[in-house]
């Protein structure tokens, strides 16, 4: 019998969950994967570094989170100084301009207005790909652009070096009371260990954000592995005939493996709490796997605090818009983040890092400046990013 912090309803129910409002239908569809990114082309497929994850239509990818506020267009005060507003919409004022009706009504230029700034052109591009007034449209594009302009932490090297002593000698999981989630005797045991790590770290008075992200990624990885294994189970048709979806069956099997016959004796409230905890951590792990599939696993350690905060609130469609912006505007930034990939993969897999980044690697990361790349960026056509649909291993376990 296994026990996790999920057995303590009082403390767990009081824990803040940034995205418990996002329902999970526990459904998974297996379809071809989307293209990844390469150092030279942010949207081209890289055969040697294929990164993908399982699409989990558990989350409504088209749901717009109400808690993500739409921010105003920056620089509007400057535009006001030399732009005369009129009743004409941007699409009426210029045949080359076509924003959604919402943005058309918010920002209108007269025929004598100067051409749109680079920022407004970026808004137009993202709006044409992901915006609109339908329930599926993204309505916080200005916020997505602002977030993309600071997706990397400026002190990434200092952050990595601050953990050299503990991570370099003992590995990421050699920390009481954590148990290495990569060394279990079965997939279910690894799921349990990953969940225990995630809950322990989350409830710690001093949360280690990198360890928490790593534990959630492992949890999602092992749950998807269990789903693949379960597809070979001859009893699966009987389980699905009960009206359950395959992802729901996976959760049932994992919870039964964790708690055994004692789990059936638990109260409905405790059962629901255990299931909710597992799904919440899985959902966050999925989001970071989506980012890692396109930006490299190094993003787990190089991401900015603002990206770390917002990614928990974003729907899948918002994440796709964010990735499209980053990959098309900051290809060099993605390359800089990918320099940390080997080191981060060793850390997550529980290997004391004999591949700690070399001095020249850290120097290359440190030299990169997002603001300078933005100043040099000129790209007429953007390649959109679509959600990955299949599970291709990001980790080597």
Protein backbone atom coordinates (compact mmCIF):
# COMPACT_ATOMS: atom_id res chain seq x y z
CA UNK A 1 0.00 0.00 0.00
CA UNK A 2 1.23 3.45 -0.93
CA UNK A 3 0.31 6.75 0.64
CA UNK A 4 0.82 10.29 -0.64
CA UNK A 5 0.14 13.70 0.73
CA UNK A 6 -3.18 13.39 -1.07
CA UNK A 7 -4.37 11.34 1.92
CA UNK A 8 -4.44 14.53 3.99
CA UNK A 9 -7.61 16.29 2.84
CA UNK A 10 -7.31 19.35 5.02
CA UNK A 11 -3.91 20.56 3.91
CA UNK A 12 -4.34 19.52 0.33
CA UNK A 13 -7.68 21.21 -0.17
CA UNK A 14 -6.25 24.42 1.18
CA UNK A 15 -3.39 24.36 -1.30
CA UNK A 16 -3.73 27.02 -3.97
CA UNK A 17 -4.28 25.63 -7.45
CA UNK A 18 -3.94 28.15 -10.22
CA UNK A 19 -5.89 26.14 -12.74
CA UNK A 20 -8.43 23.99 -10.96
CA UNK A 21 -11.04 25.84 -12.94
CA UNK A 22 -9.93 24.07 -16.10
CA UNK A 23 -11.96 20.85 -16.48
CA UNK A 24 -10.32 17.65 -17.63
CA UNK A 25 -12.34 15.25 -19.78
CA UNK A 26 -9.70 12.56 -19.44
CA UNK A 27 -9.60 11.83 -23.13
CA UNK A 28 -6.64 11.31 -25.45
CA UNK A 29 -6.57 11.15 -29.22
CA UNK A 30 -3.56 9.75 -31.04
CA UNK A 31 -2.83 11.62 -34.29
CA UNK A 32 0.35 12.66 -36.12
CA UNK A 33 2.68 14.98 -34.28
CA UNK A 34 3.27 18.60 -35.10
CA UNK A 35 6.59 19.82 -36.37
CA UNK A 36 9.28 20.61 -33.87
CA UNK A 37 12.00 23.21 -34.09
CA UNK A 38 15.64 23.26 -35.09
CA UNK A 39 18.36 25.72 -34.27
CA UNK A 40 18.25 27.11 -37.83
CA UNK A 41 14.51 27.02 -38.35
CA UNK A 42 12.23 27.32 -35.36
CA UNK A 43 9.48 25.36 -37.00
CA UNK A 44 11.35 22.77 -39.08
CA UNK A 45 11.46 19.16 -37.98
CA UNK A 46 14.64 18.02 -36.28
CA UNK A 47 15.11 14.29 -36.77
CA UNK A 48 17.91 13.97 -34.26
CA UNK A 49 16.13 15.87 -31.52
CA UNK A 50 12.55 14.80 -32.02
CA UNK A 51 10.57 16.18 -29.15
CA UNK A 52 6.89 15.56 -28.72
CA UNK A 53 4.30 14.79 -26.19
CA UNK A 54 0.93 13.23 -26.02
CA UNK A 55 -1.95 15.53 -26.72
CA UNK A 56 -4.32 15.39 -23.85
CA UNK A 57 -7.67 16.63 -24.94
CA UNK A 58 -8.50 16.42 -21.24
CA UNK A 59 -8.01 20.14 -21.25
CA UNK A 60 -10.25 22.28 -23.41
CA UNK A 61 -7.57 23.68 -25.67
CA UNK A 62 -9.85 26.42 -26.81
CA UNK A 63 -10.95 27.62 -23.39
CA UNK A 64 -9.98 31.17 -22.60
CA UNK A 65 -9.05 31.63 -18.98
CA UNK A 66 -10.97 34.40 -17.32
CA UNK A 67 -8.17 35.06 -14.87
CA UNK A 68 -5.79 36.09 -17.64
CA UNK A 69 -6.43 39.78 -18.03
CA UNK A 70 -6.14 41.39 -21.44
CA UNK A 71 -3.51 44.05 -21.30
CA UNK A 72 -3.66 47.27 -23.30
CA UNK A 73 -1.41 47.82 -26.27
CA UNK A 74 1.84 49.36 -25.03
CA UNK A 75 2.92 52.59 -26.59
CA UNK A 76 -0.63 53.73 -27.12
CA UNK A 77 0.18 57.06 -25.52
CA UNK A 78 2.85 57.63 -28.15
CA UNK A 79 0.50 56.60 -30.92
CA UNK A 80 -2.05 59.04 -29.63
CA UNK A 81 0.40 61.92 -30.06
CA UNK A 82 0.64 61.54 -33.84
CA UNK A 83 -2.45 59.47 -34.71
CA UNK A 84 -5.84 61.01 -35.29
CA UNK A 85 -8.58 58.62 -34.27
CA UNK A 86 -11.65 58.39 -36.47
CA UNK A 87 -14.64 56.17 -36.86
CA UNK A 88 -12.85 54.15 -39.55
CA UNK A 89 -11.54 50.76 -38.47
CA UNK A 90 -7.99 49.65 -39.33
CA UNK A 91 -9.35 47.28 -41.93
CA UNK A 92 -11.23 50.14 -43.55
CA UNK A 93 -8.27 52.49 -43.42
CA UNK A 94 -5.86 50.06 -45.08
CA UNK A 95 -6.48 47.15 -47.41
CA UNK A 96 -3.46 45.39 -45.89
CA UNK A 97 -4.78 45.53 -42.34
CA UNK A 98 -7.25 43.01 -41.00
CA UNK A 99 -7.55 42.57 -37.26
CA UNK A 100 -10.41 40.90 -35.48
CA UNK A 101 -13.56 43.02 -34.98
CA UNK A 102 -12.68 43.35 -31.31
CA UNK A 103 -9.29 44.91 -31.98
CA UNK A 104 -10.68 46.87 -34.94
CA UNK A 105 -13.15 48.55 -32.64
CA UNK A 106 -10.52 49.23 -29.97
CA UNK A 107 -7.91 50.83 -32.21
CA UNK A 108 -9.00 52.83 -35.25
CA UNK A 109 -6.72 54.90 -37.47
CA UNK A 110 -7.54 57.55 -40.02
CA UNK A 111 -6.30 57.30 -43.59
CA UNK A 112 -3.58 59.83 -42.77
CA UNK A 113 -2.15 57.74 -39.93
CA UNK A 114 1.47 56.52 -40.13
CA UNK A 115 1.93 52.80 -40.89
CA UNK A 116 1.55 50.40 -37.95
CA UNK A 117 4.55 49.79 -35.72
CA UNK A 118 6.32 46.45 -35.56
CA UNK A 119 4.40 45.68 -32.38
CA UNK A 120 1.06 46.25 -34.07
CA UNK A 121 2.14 44.11 -37.04
CA UNK A 122 2.93 41.31 -34.58
CA UNK A 123 -0.50 41.73 -33.00
CA UNK A 124 -2.04 41.49 -36.46
CA UNK A 125 -0.12 38.32 -37.30
CA UNK A 126 -1.04 36.50 -34.10
CA UNK A 127 -4.63 37.71 -34.35
CA UNK A 128 -4.93 36.32 -37.87
CA UNK A 129 -3.64 32.93 -36.66
CA UNK A 130 -5.23 32.57 -33.23
CA UNK A 131 -7.57 35.52 -32.62
CA UNK A 132 -11.16 36.24 -33.50
CA UNK A 133 -14.37 36.73 -31.61
CA UNK A 134 -15.44 33.08 -31.51
CA UNK A 135 -15.15 31.04 -28.29
CA UNK A 136 -12.03 29.48 -29.84
CA UNK A 137 -10.25 32.78 -30.34
CA UNK A 138 -7.45 34.11 -28.15
CA UNK A 139 -8.31 37.52 -26.75
CA UNK A 140 -5.13 38.34 -24.82
CA UNK A 141 -2.66 38.60 -27.70
CA UNK A 142 -0.98 41.78 -26.36
CA UNK A 143 -0.23 39.94 -23.11
CA UNK A 144 1.14 36.96 -25.03
CA UNK A 145 3.53 39.23 -26.94
CA UNK A 146 4.69 40.93 -23.75
CA UNK A 147 5.32 37.51 -22.18
CA UNK A 148 7.20 36.28 -25.24
CA UNK A 149 9.46 39.33 -25.11
CA UNK A 150 10.74 38.14 -21.72
CA UNK A 151 10.46 34.34 -21.90
CA UNK A 152 14.08 33.80 -20.77
CA UNK A 153 15.43 34.78 -17.39
CA UNK A 154 18.26 37.30 -17.66
CA UNK A 155 20.17 35.62 -14.81
CA UNK A 156 19.93 32.07 -16.20
CA UNK A 157 23.65 31.37 -15.75
CA UNK A 158 23.67 32.66 -12.19
CA UNK A 159 20.59 30.54 -11.47
CA UNK A 160 22.24 27.39 -12.85
CA UNK A 161 25.50 28.04 -11.02
CA UNK A 162 23.68 28.54 -7.72
CA UNK A 163 22.79 24.83 -7.74
CA UNK A 164 26.16 23.49 -8.85
CA UNK A 165 27.13 22.25 -5.39
CA UNK A 166 23.94 20.32 -4.54
CA UNK A 167 22.87 19.14 -7.99
CA UNK A 168 26.34 18.45 -9.33
CA UNK A 169 27.32 16.15 -6.47
CA UNK A 170 24.11 14.43 -5.44
CA UNK A 171 21.68 14.77 -8.32
CA UNK A 172 18.30 16.45 -8.33
CA UNK A 173 16.41 13.83 -6.31
CA UNK A 174 18.97 13.08 -3.59
CA UNK A 175 17.19 15.30 -1.12
CA UNK A 176 15.31 14.14 1.98
CA UNK A 177 12.39 13.38 2.01
CA UNK A 178 12.27 12.96 -1.77
CA UNK A 179 12.59 9.54 -3.38
CA UNK A 180 14.13 9.26 -6.84
CA UNK A 181 11.11 8.98 -9.16
CA UNK A 182 13.14 7.32 -11.91
CA UNK A 183 14.21 4.17 -10.05
CA UNK A 184 10.91 2.42 -9.32
CA UNK A 185 10.36 -1.22 -10.22
CA UNK A 186 7.32 -0.43 -12.38
CA UNK A 187 5.68 2.43 -14.23
CA UNK A 188 2.99 2.69 -11.56
CA UNK A 189 5.62 2.94 -8.83
CA UNK A 190 7.39 5.68 -10.78
CA UNK A 191 4.07 7.53 -11.10
CA UNK A 192 3.64 7.25 -7.34
CA UNK A 193 7.15 8.52 -6.65
CA UNK A 194 6.72 11.40 -9.09
CA UNK A 195 3.42 12.37 -7.48
CA UNK A 196 4.93 12.17 -3.99
CA UNK A 197 7.82 14.39 -5.09
CA UNK A 198 5.47 16.93 -6.67
CA UNK A 199 3.21 17.11 -3.61
CA UNK A 200 6.11 17.24 -1.16
CA UNK A 201 7.84 20.04 -3.07
CA UNK A 202 4.60 21.97 -3.60
CA UNK A 203 3.76 21.94 0.10
CA UNK A 204 7.29 22.75 1.24
CA UNK A 205 7.72 26.12 2.91
CA UNK A 206 10.48 26.90 0.40
CA UNK A 207 9.24 25.60 -2.94
CA UNK A 208 11.97 24.63 -5.41
CA UNK A 209 10.33 25.56 -8.73
CA UNK A 210 12.77 23.60 -10.88
CA UNK A 211 12.31 20.39 -8.89
CA UNK A 212 8.53 20.87 -8.99
CA UNK A 213 8.51 21.28 -12.77
CA UNK A 214 10.80 18.26 -13.16
CA UNK A 215 8.58 16.08 -10.94
CA UNK A 216 5.47 17.07 -12.88
CA UNK A 217 7.17 16.35 -16.20
CA UNK A 218 8.14 12.88 -14.97
CA UNK A 219 4.60 12.27 -13.72
CA UNK A 220 3.15 13.16 -17.11
CA UNK A 221 5.83 11.09 -18.88
CA UNK A 222 5.06 7.97 -16.84
CA UNK A 223 1.28 8.39 -17.14
CA UNK A 224 1.60 8.54 -20.92
CA UNK A 225 3.87 5.50 -20.84
CA UNK A 226 1.24 3.66 -18.80
CA UNK A 227 -1.42 4.64 -21.34
CA UNK A 228 0.68 3.16 -24.16
CA UNK A 229 1.22 -0.03 -22.15
CA UNK A 230 -2.49 -0.27 -21.38
CA UNK A 231 -3.35 -0.22 -25.07
CA UNK A 232 -1.79 -3.68 -25.27
CA UNK A 233 -3.93 -4.96 -22.38
CA UNK A 234 -6.45 -7.55 -23.65
CA UNK A 235 -8.90 -6.38 -20.97
CA UNK A 236 -8.95 -2.80 -22.27
CA UNK A 237 -12.09 -3.26 -24.47
CA UNK A 238 -14.04 -4.35 -21.40
CA UNK A 239 -12.91 -1.28 -19.48
CA UNK A 240 -13.78 1.05 -22.35
CA UNK A 241 -17.16 -0.63 -22.83
CA UNK A 242 -18.15 0.77 -19.43
CA UNK A 243 -18.28 4.20 -21.04
CA UNK A 244 -14.87 5.36 -19.83
CA UNK A 245 -12.23 7.00 -21.96
CA UNK A 246 -8.74 5.56 -22.13
CA UNK A 247 -7.18 8.39 -20.10
CA UNK A 248 -9.77 7.85 -17.37
CA UNK A 249 -8.98 4.14 -17.37
CA UNK A 250 -5.27 4.95 -17.00
CA UNK A 251 -5.98 7.10 -13.94
CA UNK A 252 -8.13 4.32 -12.44
CA UNK A 253 -5.40 1.73 -12.98
CA UNK A 254 -2.71 3.99 -11.51
CA UNK A 255 -4.77 4.90 -8.44
CA UNK A 256 -5.62 1.25 -7.84
CA UNK A 257 -1.95 0.35 -8.13
CA UNK A 258 -1.04 3.08 -5.65
CA UNK A 259 -3.61 2.39 -2.97
CA UNK A 260 -4.70 -1.21 -3.60
CA UNK A 261 -7.73 -2.55 -1.76
CA UNK A 262 -7.40 0.17 0.88
CA UNK A 263 -8.20 2.74 -1.79
CA UNK A 264 -11.65 1.23 -2.26
CA UNK A 265 -12.37 1.72 1.43
CA UNK A 266 -11.60 5.44 1.31
CA UNK A 267 -14.41 7.96 1.51
CA UNK A 268 -15.71 9.53 -1.74
CA UNK A 269 -14.15 12.83 -0.70
CA UNK A 270 -10.68 11.29 -0.30
CA UNK A 271 -11.03 9.39 -3.58
CA UNK A 272 -11.97 12.58 -5.41
CA UNK A 273 -9.10 14.43 -3.78
CA UNK A 274 -6.55 11.81 -4.82
CA UNK A 275 -7.82 11.86 -8.38
CA UNK A 276 -7.83 15.66 -8.52
CA UNK A 277 -4.28 15.89 -7.20
CA UNK A 278 -3.01 13.42 -9.79
CA UNK A 279 -4.77 15.22 -12.64
CA UNK A 280 -3.67 18.69 -11.53
CA UNK A 281 0.02 17.76 -11.46
CA UNK A 282 -0.37 15.87 -14.74
CA UNK A 283 -1.93 18.93 -16.38
CA UNK A 284 0.96 21.16 -15.36
CA UNK A 285 3.46 18.54 -16.49
CA UNK A 286 1.76 18.45 -19.88
CA UNK A 287 2.13 22.21 -20.32
CA UNK A 288 5.85 22.12 -19.59
CA UNK A 289 6.28 19.16 -21.93
CA UNK A 290 4.60 21.19 -24.70
CA UNK A 291 7.07 24.03 -24.13
CA UNK A 292 9.99 21.60 -23.99
CA UNK A 293 8.86 19.89 -27.19
CA UNK A 294 9.33 23.16 -29.11
CA UNK A 295 11.89 25.13 -27.09
CA UNK A 296 14.02 22.27 -25.74
CA UNK A 297 14.04 20.72 -22.27
CA UNK A 298 16.47 23.45 -21.18
CA UNK A 299 13.53 25.86 -20.92
CA UNK A 300 12.71 24.18 -17.61
CA UNK A 301 15.67 26.00 -16.06
CA UNK A 302 16.06 29.04 -18.34
CA UNK A 303 12.43 30.25 -18.25
CA UNK A 304 11.63 33.63 -16.74
CA UNK A 305 9.50 34.04 -13.63
CA UNK A 306 6.74 35.62 -15.70
CA UNK A 307 6.62 32.62 -18.04
CA UNK A 308 6.59 30.27 -15.05
CA UNK A 309 3.61 32.13 -13.58
CA UNK A 310 1.53 32.57 -16.72
CA UNK A 311 1.96 29.12 -18.21
CA UNK A 312 -0.14 27.68 -15.38
CA UNK A 313 -3.07 29.84 -16.48
CA UNK A 314 -2.86 29.54 -20.25
CA UNK A 315 -5.07 27.30 -22.34
CA UNK A 316 -3.41 25.12 -24.98
CA UNK A 317 -4.36 27.59 -27.71
CA UNK A 318 -2.72 30.45 -25.82
CA UNK A 319 0.43 28.34 -25.45
CA UNK A 320 0.43 27.71 -29.21
CA UNK A 321 0.17 31.46 -29.86
CA UNK A 322 3.02 32.11 -27.42
CA UNK A 323 5.22 29.46 -29.03
CA UNK A 324 4.50 30.83 -32.50
CA UNK A 325 5.63 34.27 -31.39
CA UNK A 326 8.79 33.03 -29.63
CA UNK A 327 9.89 30.67 -32.40
CA UNK A 328 9.43 33.25 -35.15
CA UNK A 329 10.82 36.29 -33.32
CA UNK A 330 13.52 34.78 -31.08
CA UNK A 331 15.17 31.81 -32.86
CA UNK A 332 18.55 32.73 -31.34
CA UNK A 333 16.98 32.82 -27.89
CA UNK A 334 15.65 29.31 -28.43
CA UNK A 335 19.15 28.17 -29.45
CA UNK A 336 20.62 29.74 -26.32
CA UNK A 337 18.09 27.95 -24.12
CA UNK A 338 18.76 24.64 -25.87
CA UNK A 339 22.39 24.82 -24.80
CA UNK A 340 21.16 23.73 -21.37
CA UNK A 341 19.31 20.67 -22.74
CA UNK A 342 21.92 17.95 -21.96
CA UNK A 343 22.44 19.22 -18.43
CA UNK A 344 18.71 19.54 -17.66
CA UNK A 345 17.94 16.09 -19.05
CA UNK A 346 20.59 14.54 -16.78
CA UNK A 347 19.14 16.36 -13.79
CA UNK A 348 15.56 15.25 -14.44
CA UNK A 349 16.60 11.65 -15.03
CA UNK A 350 18.35 11.61 -11.66
CA UNK A 351 21.92 11.42 -12.91
CA UNK A 352 24.49 13.45 -10.94
CA UNK A 353 25.63 15.76 -13.66
CA UNK A 354 28.92 14.75 -15.16
CA UNK A 355 27.71 16.90 -18.06
CA UNK A 356 27.51 20.15 -16.12
CA UNK A 357 27.55 22.96 -18.71
CA UNK A 358 31.08 23.88 -19.76
CA UNK A 359 32.32 27.39 -19.13
CA UNK A 360 31.99 28.30 -22.81
CA UNK A 361 28.40 27.01 -22.86
CA UNK A 362 27.45 29.11 -19.86
CA UNK A 363 29.21 32.10 -21.43
CA UNK A 364 27.20 31.67 -24.65
CA UNK A 365 23.95 31.60 -22.68
CA UNK A 366 25.04 34.64 -20.71
CA UNK A 367 25.91 36.64 -23.85
CA UNK A 368 22.48 36.31 -25.35
CA UNK A 369 20.17 39.33 -24.98
CA UNK A 370 16.55 39.14 -26.05
CA UNK A 371 16.21 42.88 -26.55
CA UNK A 372 19.03 42.94 -29.11
CA UNK A 373 17.55 40.09 -31.12
CA UNK A 374 14.17 41.83 -31.15
CA UNK A 375 15.81 44.95 -32.61
CA UNK A 376 17.29 42.92 -35.48
CA UNK A 377 14.24 40.81 -36.16
CA UNK A 378 12.53 41.14 -39.54
CA UNK A 379 10.36 38.30 -40.80
CA UNK A 380 7.46 38.68 -43.18
CA UNK A 381 5.88 35.25 -42.90
CA UNK A 382 5.28 33.35 -39.67
CA UNK A 383 4.92 29.60 -39.36
CA UNK A 384 2.17 28.76 -36.84
CA UNK A 385 2.65 26.12 -34.16
CA UNK A 386 0.08 23.37 -33.69
CA UNK A 387 -0.36 21.21 -30.58
CA UNK A 388 1.76 18.04 -30.55
CA UNK A 389 -0.51 15.04 -30.89
CA UNK A 390 1.62 11.97 -30.23
CA UNK A 391 3.85 10.84 -27.42
CA UNK A 392 7.50 10.72 -28.51
CA UNK A 393 9.89 10.40 -25.63
CA UNK A 394 11.48 13.58 -24.38
CA UNK A 395 13.37 11.63 -21.74
CA UNK A 396 15.43 8.49 -22.22
CA UNK A 397 13.93 6.38 -19.43
